[in-house]
Structure formats: structure tokens, C-alpha cells
Amino acid sequence: MTFKVYAHFVADLGTRGCSEFRGIVEVGSEPLLGNVADRDDEALVRELARDFNVGTEQIHVLRWSRLH
């Protein structure tokens, strides 16, 4: 199951420095048990880290909203 969010985040790209991004991100995540907001936030960070080929600690989500 996937969902789309509008995200505003900063990615620490190592030697290239930090860059700020905002836009629609499609997150491919199977629903898990637990708090939906926490699960979605973690899934978004993992997806962004994978897309930018960085660790999850290098992604700082400032704001996000799930699109319907």
C-alpha cells in the first residue's frame, strides 16, 4: 500500500551540504500496527533517506501532510 504526502524537509547531503526540499512524495509502506502518525513519519523518513542515499539521521522533516 502506498500513500502520498506533501513534505517540507532538509537533507544533509554530506560534502554537498544541506538542501531544503518541498513537494509531493509517494511513500510505499505496508500499514503497521501502532500510532498512524508515528508510523507514517518513520516511513516518510526511510523513503526519503533511501531516495537520497543517506542515513535516516540525515533527513529532518520540518512539516508534512498526508494527501487524500
N, C-alpha and C. Protein backbone atom coordinates (compact mmCIF):
# COMPACT_ATOMS: atom_id res chain seq x y z
N MET A 1 0.84 -1.18 0.00
CA MET A 1 0.00 0.00 0.00
C MET A 1 0.89 1.24 0.00
N THR A 2 0.56 2.20 -0.80
CA THR A 2 1.32 3.45 -0.84
C THR A 2 0.41 4.60 -0.45
N PHE A 3 1.03 5.68 -0.03
CA PHE A 3 0.29 6.90 0.24
C PHE A 3 1.14 8.09 -0.18
N LYS A 4 0.50 9.21 -0.43
CA LYS A 4 1.21 10.42 -0.86
C LYS A 4 1.12 11.48 0.23
N VAL A 5 2.22 12.21 0.38
CA VAL A 5 2.26 13.30 1.35
C VAL A 5 2.90 14.52 0.70
N TYR A 6 2.52 15.68 1.20
CA TYR A 6 3.23 16.91 0.85
C TYR A 6 4.25 17.09 1.97
N ALA A 7 5.52 17.13 1.64
CA ALA A 7 6.57 17.18 2.66
C ALA A 7 7.47 18.40 2.46
N HIS A 8 7.91 18.93 3.57
CA HIS A 8 8.90 20.01 3.61
C HIS A 8 10.01 19.49 4.52
N PHE A 9 11.21 19.31 3.96
CA PHE A 9 12.27 18.67 4.73
C PHE A 9 13.64 19.19 4.33
N VAL A 10 14.62 18.90 5.18
CA VAL A 10 16.01 19.23 4.93
C VAL A 10 16.79 17.93 4.88
N ALA A 11 17.65 17.79 3.88
CA ALA A 11 18.50 16.62 3.74
C ALA A 11 19.96 17.05 3.86
N ASP A 12 20.68 16.41 4.78
CA ASP A 12 22.12 16.65 4.91
C ASP A 12 22.81 15.74 3.91
N LEU A 13 23.31 16.32 2.84
CA LEU A 13 23.89 15.55 1.74
C LEU A 13 25.40 15.44 1.84
N GLY A 14 25.91 15.47 3.05
CA GLY A 14 27.34 15.26 3.29
C GLY A 14 28.18 16.41 2.76
N THR A 15 29.12 16.10 1.88
CA THR A 15 30.04 17.12 1.36
C THR A 15 29.32 18.16 0.52
N ARG A 16 28.13 17.84 0.03
CA ARG A 16 27.35 18.81 -0.75
C ARG A 16 26.54 19.75 0.14
N GLY A 17 26.59 19.52 1.45
CA GLY A 17 25.89 20.38 2.39
C GLY A 17 24.42 20.01 2.54
N CYS A 18 23.69 20.88 3.22
CA CYS A 18 22.26 20.66 3.46
C CYS A 18 21.45 21.33 2.37
N SER A 19 20.37 20.68 1.99
CA SER A 19 19.45 21.24 1.00
C SER A 19 18.04 21.11 1.52
N GLU A 20 17.25 22.12 1.23
CA GLU A 20 15.85 22.14 1.65
C GLU A 20 14.97 21.79 0.46
N PHE A 21 13.98 20.94 0.71
CA PHE A 21 13.08 20.48 -0.33
C PHE A 21 11.64 20.56 0.14
N ARG A 22 10.72 20.68 -0.80
CA ARG A 22 9.30 20.56 -0.50
C ARG A 22 8.59 20.07 -1.75
N GLY A 23 7.61 19.22 -1.54
CA GLY A 23 6.85 18.69 -2.66
C GLY A 23 6.13 17.41 -2.28
N ILE A 24 5.54 16.79 -3.27
CA ILE A 24 4.77 15.57 -3.05
C ILE A 24 5.70 14.36 -3.11
N VAL A 25 5.56 13.50 -2.13
CA VAL A 25 6.37 12.29 -2.02
C VAL A 25 5.42 11.11 -1.91
N GLU A 26 5.67 10.07 -2.71
CA GLU A 26 4.89 8.85 -2.59
C GLU A 26 5.67 7.86 -1.73
N VAL A 27 5.04 7.42 -0.68
CA VAL A 27 5.68 6.52 0.27
C VAL A 27 5.08 5.13 0.10
N GLY A 28 5.93 4.17 -0.20
CA GLY A 28 5.48 2.79 -0.36
C GLY A 28 5.66 2.04 0.93
N SER A 29 4.62 1.97 1.72
CA SER A 29 4.74 1.36 3.03
C SER A 29 3.51 0.51 3.33
N GLU A 30 3.76 -0.68 3.80
CA GLU A 30 2.66 -1.54 4.24
C GLU A 30 2.23 -1.06 5.62
N PRO A 31 0.92 -0.95 5.87
CA PRO A 31 0.46 -0.49 7.19
C PRO A 31 0.99 -1.38 8.31
N LEU A 32 1.36 -0.76 9.39
CA LEU A 32 1.85 -1.47 10.57
C LEU A 32 0.90 -1.21 11.72
N LEU A 33 1.08 -1.95 12.79
CA LEU A 33 0.29 -1.69 13.99
C LEU A 33 0.89 -0.51 14.74
N GLY A 34 0.09 0.19 15.50
CA GLY A 34 0.59 1.29 16.30
C GLY A 34 0.03 2.62 15.85
N ASN A 35 0.62 3.67 16.35
CA ASN A 35 0.18 5.03 16.07
C ASN A 35 0.41 5.37 14.61
N VAL A 36 -0.65 5.75 13.91
CA VAL A 36 -0.56 6.04 12.48
C VAL A 36 0.39 7.18 12.19
N ALA A 37 0.34 8.26 12.94
CA ALA A 37 1.20 9.41 12.68
C ALA A 37 2.67 9.04 12.84
N ASP A 38 3.01 8.29 13.89
CA ASP A 38 4.40 7.88 14.09
C ASP A 38 4.86 6.96 12.97
N ARG A 39 4.00 6.03 12.59
CA ARG A 39 4.34 5.08 11.53
C ARG A 39 4.57 5.82 10.22
N ASP A 40 3.67 6.73 9.87
CA ASP A 40 3.80 7.46 8.63
C ASP A 40 5.06 8.33 8.63
N ASP A 41 5.37 8.97 9.75
CA ASP A 41 6.56 9.82 9.85
C ASP A 41 7.82 8.99 9.64
N GLU A 42 7.89 7.84 10.28
CA GLU A 42 9.05 6.96 10.13
C GLU A 42 9.17 6.44 8.70
N ALA A 43 8.05 6.08 8.10
CA ALA A 43 8.06 5.58 6.72
C ALA A 43 8.53 6.67 5.76
N LEU A 44 8.09 7.90 5.99
CA LEU A 44 8.49 9.03 5.14
C LEU A 44 10.00 9.26 5.25
N VAL A 45 10.52 9.26 6.45
CA VAL A 45 11.96 9.47 6.64
C VAL A 45 12.76 8.35 5.97
N ARG A 46 12.32 7.10 6.13
CA ARG A 46 13.02 5.97 5.49
C ARG A 46 13.00 6.10 3.97
N GLU A 47 11.85 6.48 3.42
CA GLU A 47 11.71 6.63 1.96
C GLU A 47 12.62 7.74 1.44
N LEU A 48 12.64 8.87 2.12
CA LEU A 48 13.48 9.99 1.69
C LEU A 48 14.97 9.63 1.81
N ALA A 49 15.34 8.97 2.90
CA ALA A 49 16.74 8.57 3.08
C ALA A 49 17.17 7.62 1.97
N ARG A 50 16.30 6.69 1.63
CA ARG A 50 16.62 5.75 0.55
C ARG A 50 16.75 6.48 -0.78
N ASP A 51 15.84 7.41 -1.06
CA ASP A 51 15.87 8.15 -2.32
C ASP A 51 17.13 9.01 -2.45
N PHE A 52 17.59 9.58 -1.35
CA PHE A 52 18.77 10.44 -1.38
C PHE A 52 20.05 9.67 -1.06
N ASN A 53 19.93 8.38 -0.78
CA ASN A 53 21.08 7.54 -0.48
C ASN A 53 21.88 8.07 0.72
N VAL A 54 21.14 8.40 1.78
CA VAL A 54 21.75 8.88 3.03
C VAL A 54 21.10 8.12 4.18
N GLY A 55 21.65 8.28 5.37
CA GLY A 55 21.06 7.66 6.56
C GLY A 55 19.83 8.41 7.02
N THR A 56 18.97 7.73 7.75
CA THR A 56 17.74 8.36 8.23
C THR A 56 18.03 9.54 9.16
N GLU A 57 19.18 9.52 9.83
CA GLU A 57 19.53 10.63 10.72
C GLU A 57 19.89 11.90 9.94
N GLN A 58 20.06 11.78 8.64
CA GLN A 58 20.41 12.94 7.81
C GLN A 58 19.19 13.59 7.15
N ILE A 59 18.00 13.07 7.45
CA ILE A 59 16.75 13.64 6.94
C ILE A 59 16.01 14.28 8.10
N HIS A 60 15.65 15.53 7.96
CA HIS A 60 14.94 16.26 9.00
C HIS A 60 13.64 16.81 8.40
N VAL A 61 12.53 16.14 8.72
CA VAL A 61 11.23 16.55 8.20
C VAL A 61 10.75 17.73 9.03
N LEU A 62 10.49 18.84 8.37
CA LEU A 62 10.01 20.04 9.06
C LEU A 62 8.49 20.03 9.19
N ARG A 63 7.84 19.56 8.13
CA ARG A 63 6.38 19.55 8.09
C ARG A 63 5.93 18.58 7.02
N TRP A 64 4.84 17.89 7.26
CA TRP A 64 4.27 17.02 6.24
C TRP A 64 2.79 16.88 6.49
N SER A 65 2.09 16.58 5.40
CA SER A 65 0.65 16.39 5.47
C SER A 65 0.27 15.31 4.48
N ARG A 66 -0.50 14.37 4.95
CA ARG A 66 -0.94 13.27 4.09
C ARG A 66 -1.98 13.78 3.10
N LEU A 67 -1.83 13.42 1.84
CA LEU A 67 -2.80 13.80 0.81
C LEU A 67 -3.87 12.73 0.72
N HIS A 68 -5.08 13.17 0.43
CA HIS A 68 -6.21 12.22 0.32
C HIS A 68 -6.61 12.02 -1.11
